[in-house]
Structures are given as C-alpha cells and as structure tokens.
Amino acid sequence: MSSGYNGIYTQGQDNNLGACLFYVKAGFYIGGLDTNVYKGTKQEGKSDIIFYYDC
C-alpha cells in the first residue's frame, strides 16, 4: 500500500548535533544547506541543514 507521498523533509540547525544525528540515524539524508535563513537575526551566522526521507 502506497502512502501517496514521495517523501518528507525536516530541518535542523547546524549547531544542534543531537537533532542532526537523530535524523541521520532515522534514515534521513542531507539534501541541502540554507546559509541565509538567519540573516539579520540574533542567530546570524548559523545555518539550517535540510534532511530528506524517501517514502
């Protein structure tokens, strides 16, 4: 039975090692890096890692 989805994605901040390792151990793979998401905020200089999981 197909879920009707090709996959899902989530994102984790580059300095949140625990979350990033969890996603990789759960079968997600790194598909992107957003280096502009925090531009102009208190968290400027941080990035989001985009994780994908194929269904």
PDB file of N, CA and C in Angstrom:
ATOM      1  N   MET A   1       0.844  -1.179   0.000  1.00  0.00           N
ATOM      2  CA  MET A   1       0.000   0.000   0.000  1.00  0.00           C
ATOM      3  C   MET A   1       0.889   1.242   0.000  1.00  0.00           C
ATOM      4  N   SER A   2       0.677   2.104  -0.939  1.00  0.00           N
ATOM      5  CA  SER A   2       1.476   3.320  -1.059  1.00  0.00           C
ATOM      6  C   SER A   2       0.924   4.414  -0.152  1.00  0.00           C
ATOM      7  N   SER A   3       1.813   5.197   0.416  1.00  0.00           N
ATOM      8  CA  SER A   3       1.393   6.285   1.297  1.00  0.00           C
ATOM      9  C   SER A   3       0.880   7.487   0.516  1.00  0.00           C
ATOM     10  N   GLY A   4       1.174   7.536  -0.779  1.00  0.00           N
ATOM     11  CA  GLY A   4       0.780   8.672  -1.592  1.00  0.00           C
ATOM     12  C   GLY A   4       1.778   9.811  -1.555  1.00  0.00           C
ATOM     13  N   TYR A   5       2.852   9.633  -0.833  1.00  0.00           N
ATOM     14  CA  TYR A   5       3.880  10.659  -0.716  1.00  0.00           C
ATOM     15  C   TYR A   5       5.188  10.152  -1.321  1.00  0.00           C
ATOM     16  N   ASN A   6       5.952  11.061  -1.894  1.00  0.00           N
ATOM     17  CA  ASN A   6       7.284  10.699  -2.391  1.00  0.00           C
ATOM     18  C   ASN A   6       8.300  10.700  -1.268  1.00  0.00           C
ATOM     19  N   GLY A   7       8.063  11.527  -0.260  1.00  0.00           N
ATOM     20  CA  GLY A   7       8.977  11.626   0.863  1.00  0.00           C
ATOM     21  C   GLY A   7       8.590  12.763   1.773  1.00  0.00           C
ATOM     22  N   ILE A   8       9.386  12.966   2.791  1.00  0.00           N
ATOM     23  CA  ILE A   8       9.180  14.062   3.735  1.00  0.00           C
ATOM     24  C   ILE A   8      10.514  14.748   3.974  1.00  0.00           C
ATOM     25  N   TYR A   9      10.449  15.937   4.544  1.00  0.00           N
ATOM     26  CA  TYR A   9      11.692  16.616   4.899  1.00  0.00           C
ATOM     27  C   TYR A   9      11.538  17.337   6.228  1.00  0.00           C
ATOM     28  N   THR A  10      12.650  17.599   6.826  1.00  0.00           N
ATOM     29  CA  THR A  10      12.714  18.384   8.045  1.00  0.00           C
ATOM     30  C   THR A  10      14.022  19.157   8.019  1.00  0.00           C
ATOM     31  N   GLN A  11      14.196  20.013   8.962  1.00  0.00           N
ATOM     32  CA  GLN A  11      15.453  20.751   9.010  1.00  0.00           C
ATOM     33  C   GLN A  11      15.940  20.855  10.440  1.00  0.00           C
ATOM     34  N   GLY A  12      17.245  20.938  10.567  1.00  0.00           N
ATOM     35  CA  GLY A  12      17.884  21.078  11.864  1.00  0.00           C
ATOM     36  C   GLY A  12      18.956  22.148  11.802  1.00  0.00           C
ATOM     37  N   GLN A  13      19.090  22.894  12.875  1.00  0.00           N
ATOM     38  CA  GLN A  13      20.115  23.933  12.904  1.00  0.00           C
ATOM     39  C   GLN A  13      21.496  23.284  12.976  1.00  0.00           C
ATOM     40  N   ASP A  14      22.442  23.867  12.271  1.00  0.00           N
ATOM     41  CA  ASP A  14      23.773  23.262  12.140  1.00  0.00           C
ATOM     42  C   ASP A  14      24.489  23.055  13.471  1.00  0.00           C
ATOM     43  N   ASN A  15      24.120  23.795  14.509  1.00  0.00           N
ATOM     44  CA  ASN A  15      24.786  23.627  15.804  1.00  0.00           C
ATOM     45  C   ASN A  15      24.026  22.680  16.742  1.00  0.00           C
ATOM     46  N   ASN A  16      22.951  22.054  16.259  1.00  0.00           N
ATOM     47  CA  ASN A  16      22.178  21.118  17.068  1.00  0.00           C
ATOM     48  C   ASN A  16      22.562  19.695  16.667  1.00  0.00           C
ATOM     49  N   LEU A  17      23.721  19.279  17.128  1.00  0.00           N
ATOM     50  CA  LEU A  17      24.274  17.978  16.742  1.00  0.00           C
ATOM     51  C   LEU A  17      23.351  16.823  17.099  1.00  0.00           C
ATOM     52  N   GLY A  18      22.718  16.882  18.258  1.00  0.00           N
ATOM     53  CA  GLY A  18      21.824  15.802  18.671  1.00  0.00           C
ATOM     54  C   GLY A  18      20.692  15.575  17.685  1.00  0.00           C
ATOM     55  N   ALA A  19      20.057  16.653  17.254  1.00  0.00           N
ATOM     56  CA  ALA A  19      18.955  16.539  16.290  1.00  0.00           C
ATOM     57  C   ALA A  19      19.465  16.037  14.947  1.00  0.00           C
ATOM     58  N   CYS A  20      20.574  16.581  14.485  1.00  0.00           N
ATOM     59  CA  CYS A  20      21.127  16.173  13.190  1.00  0.00           C
ATOM     60  C   CYS A  20      21.483  14.690  13.181  1.00  0.00           C
ATOM     61  N   LEU A  21      22.096  14.215  14.239  1.00  0.00           N
ATOM     62  CA  LEU A  21      22.439  12.789  14.324  1.00  0.00           C
ATOM     63  C   LEU A  21      21.185  11.922  14.399  1.00  0.00           C
ATOM     64  N   PHE A  22      20.167  12.408  15.097  1.00  0.00           N
ATOM     65  CA  PHE A  22      18.906  11.669  15.164  1.00  0.00           C
ATOM     66  C   PHE A  22      18.314  11.479  13.778  1.00  0.00           C
ATOM     67  N   TYR A  23      18.259  12.545  12.978  1.00  0.00           N
ATOM     68  CA  TYR A  23      17.690  12.450  11.634  1.00  0.00           C
ATOM     69  C   TYR A  23      18.468  11.467  10.774  1.00  0.00           C
ATOM     70  N   VAL A  24      19.785  11.514  10.842  1.00  0.00           N
ATOM     71  CA  VAL A  24      20.602  10.592  10.044  1.00  0.00           C
ATOM     72  C   VAL A  24      20.368   9.154  10.493  1.00  0.00           C
ATOM     73  N   LYS A  25      20.340   8.913  11.799  1.00  0.00           N
ATOM     74  CA  LYS A  25      20.106   7.555  12.307  1.00  0.00           C
ATOM     75  C   LYS A  25      18.718   7.051  11.958  1.00  0.00           C
ATOM     76  N   ALA A  26      17.753   7.964  11.793  1.00  0.00           N
ATOM     77  CA  ALA A  26      16.377   7.586  11.451  1.00  0.00           C
ATOM     78  C   ALA A  26      16.210   7.322   9.958  1.00  0.00           C
ATOM     79  N   GLY A  27      17.277   7.517   9.173  1.00  0.00           N
ATOM     80  CA  GLY A  27      17.213   7.209   7.756  1.00  0.00           C
ATOM     81  C   GLY A  27      17.112   8.414   6.836  1.00  0.00           C
ATOM     82  N   PHE A  28      17.119   9.608   7.397  1.00  0.00           N
ATOM     83  CA  PHE A  28      17.100  10.814   6.572  1.00  0.00           C
ATOM     84  C   PHE A  28      18.485  11.021   5.954  1.00  0.00           C
ATOM     85  N   TYR A  29      18.530  11.744   4.855  1.00  0.00           N
ATOM     86  CA  TYR A  29      19.812  12.103   4.252  1.00  0.00           C
ATOM     87  C   TYR A  29      19.854  13.613   4.052  1.00  0.00           C
ATOM     88  N   ILE A  30      21.043  14.163   4.038  1.00  0.00           N
ATOM     89  CA  ILE A  30      21.226  15.599   3.873  1.00  0.00           C
ATOM     90  C   ILE A  30      21.021  15.950   2.408  1.00  0.00           C
ATOM     91  N   GLY A  31      20.123  16.901   2.170  1.00  0.00           N
ATOM     92  CA  GLY A  31      19.827  17.296   0.803  1.00  0.00           C
ATOM     93  C   GLY A  31      20.033  18.772   0.535  1.00  0.00           C
ATOM     94  N   GLY A  32      20.363  19.527   1.580  1.00  0.00           N
ATOM     95  CA  GLY A  32      20.556  20.955   1.360  1.00  0.00           C
ATOM     96  C   GLY A  32      21.066  21.671   2.588  1.00  0.00           C
ATOM     97  N   LEU A  33      21.506  22.905   2.367  1.00  0.00           N
ATOM     98  CA  LEU A  33      22.025  23.753   3.426  1.00  0.00           C
ATOM     99  C   LEU A  33      21.546  25.170   3.163  1.00  0.00           C
ATOM    100  N   ASP A  34      20.826  25.751   4.116  1.00  0.00           N
ATOM    101  CA  ASP A  34      20.339  27.121   3.984  1.00  0.00           C
ATOM    102  C   ASP A  34      21.218  28.027   4.841  1.00  0.00           C
ATOM    103  N   THR A  35      22.073  28.786   4.189  1.00  0.00           N
ATOM    104  CA  THR A  35      23.010  29.657   4.910  1.00  0.00           C
ATOM    105  C   THR A  35      22.474  31.076   5.086  1.00  0.00           C
ATOM    106  N   ASN A  36      21.285  31.349   4.570  1.00  0.00           N
ATOM    107  CA  ASN A  36      20.714  32.697   4.660  1.00  0.00           C
ATOM    108  C   ASN A  36      19.529  32.819   5.605  1.00  0.00           C
ATOM    109  N   VAL A  37      19.059  31.719   6.138  1.00  0.00           N
ATOM    110  CA  VAL A  37      17.821  31.707   6.904  1.00  0.00           C
ATOM    111  C   VAL A  37      17.863  32.630   8.132  1.00  0.00           C
ATOM    112  N   TYR A  38      18.994  32.831   8.739  1.00  0.00           N
ATOM    113  CA  TYR A  38      19.081  33.635   9.964  1.00  0.00           C
ATOM    114  C   TYR A  38      19.702  35.010   9.725  1.00  0.00           C
ATOM    115  N   LYS A  39      19.869  35.384   8.476  1.00  0.00           N
ATOM    116  CA  LYS A  39      20.473  36.666   8.141  1.00  0.00           C
ATOM    117  C   LYS A  39      19.649  37.814   8.746  1.00  0.00           C
ATOM    118  N   GLY A  40      20.314  38.715   9.449  1.00  0.00           N
ATOM    119  CA  GLY A  40      19.656  39.855  10.061  1.00  0.00           C
ATOM    120  C   GLY A  40      18.975  39.564  11.385  1.00  0.00           C
ATOM    121  N   THR A  41      19.212  38.352  11.937  1.00  0.00           N
ATOM    122  CA  THR A  41      18.630  37.997  13.234  1.00  0.00           C
ATOM    123  C   THR A  41      19.732  37.806  14.263  1.00  0.00           C
ATOM    124  N   LYS A  42      19.324  37.557  15.509  1.00  0.00           N
ATOM    125  CA  LYS A  42      20.304  37.296  16.579  1.00  0.00           C
ATOM    126  C   LYS A  42      21.127  36.041  16.308  1.00  0.00           C
ATOM    127  N   GLN A  43      20.609  35.156  15.469  1.00  0.00           N
ATOM    128  CA  GLN A  43      21.298  33.896  15.184  1.00  0.00           C
ATOM    129  C   GLN A  43      22.078  33.941  13.870  1.00  0.00           C
ATOM    130  N   GLU A  44      22.330  35.148  13.371  1.00  0.00           N
ATOM    131  CA  GLU A  44      23.066  35.283  12.112  1.00  0.00           C
ATOM    132  C   GLU A  44      24.388  34.515  12.190  1.00  0.00           C
ATOM    133  N   GLY A  45      24.730  33.849  11.115  1.00  0.00           N
ATOM    134  CA  GLY A  45      25.939  33.038  11.060  1.00  0.00           C
ATOM    135  C   GLY A  45      25.652  31.552  11.198  1.00  0.00           C
ATOM    136  N   LYS A  46      24.461  31.209  11.693  1.00  0.00           N
ATOM    137  CA  LYS A  46      24.065  29.809  11.778  1.00  0.00           C
ATOM    138  C   LYS A  46      23.360  29.425  10.490  1.00  0.00           C
ATOM    139  N   SER A  47      23.222  28.131  10.265  1.00  0.00           N
ATOM    140  CA  SER A  47      22.588  27.618   9.050  1.00  0.00           C
ATOM    141  C   SER A  47      21.626  26.496   9.411  1.00  0.00           C
ATOM    142  N   ASP A  48      20.709  26.217   8.511  1.00  0.00           N
ATOM    143  CA  ASP A  48      19.830  25.065   8.641  1.00  0.00           C
ATOM    144  C   ASP A  48      20.249  23.996   7.654  1.00  0.00           C
ATOM    145  N   ILE A  49      20.301  22.764   8.132  1.00  0.00           N
ATOM    146  CA  ILE A  49      20.580  21.610   7.286  1.00  0.00           C
ATOM    147  C   ILE A  49      19.223  20.990   6.951  1.00  0.00           C
ATOM    148  N   ILE A  50      18.990  20.739   5.673  1.00  0.00           N
ATOM    149  CA  ILE A  50      17.727  20.172   5.219  1.00  0.00           C
ATOM    150  C   ILE A  50      17.906  18.661   5.061  1.00  0.00           C
ATOM    151  N   PHE A  51      17.053  17.906   5.744  1.00  0.00           N
ATOM    152  CA  PHE A  51      17.099  16.445   5.729  1.00  0.00           C
ATOM    153  C   PHE A  51      15.877  15.901   4.992  1.00  0.00           C
ATOM    154  N   TYR A  52      16.100  14.901   4.132  1.00  0.00           N
ATOM    155  CA  TYR A  52      15.028  14.285   3.362  1.00  0.00           C
ATOM    156  C   TYR A  52      14.934  12.796   3.686  1.00  0.00           C
ATOM    157  N   TYR A  53      13.719  12.290   3.572  1.00  0.00           N
ATOM    158  CA  TYR A  53      13.457  10.863   3.769  1.00  0.00           C
ATOM    159  C   TYR A  53      12.538  10.405   2.647  1.00  0.00           C
ATOM    160  N   ASP A  54      12.964   9.441   1.859  1.00  0.00           N
ATOM    161  CA  ASP A  54      12.147   8.918   0.766  1.00  0.00           C
ATOM    162  C   ASP A  54      11.172   7.888   1.295  1.00  0.00           C
ATOM    163  N   CYS A  55       9.906   8.033   0.931  1.00  0.00           N
ATOM    164  CA  CYS A  55       8.869   7.076   1.370  1.00  0.00           C
ATOM    165  C   CYS A  55       8.726   5.935   0.384  1.00  0.00           C
TER     166      CYS A  55
END
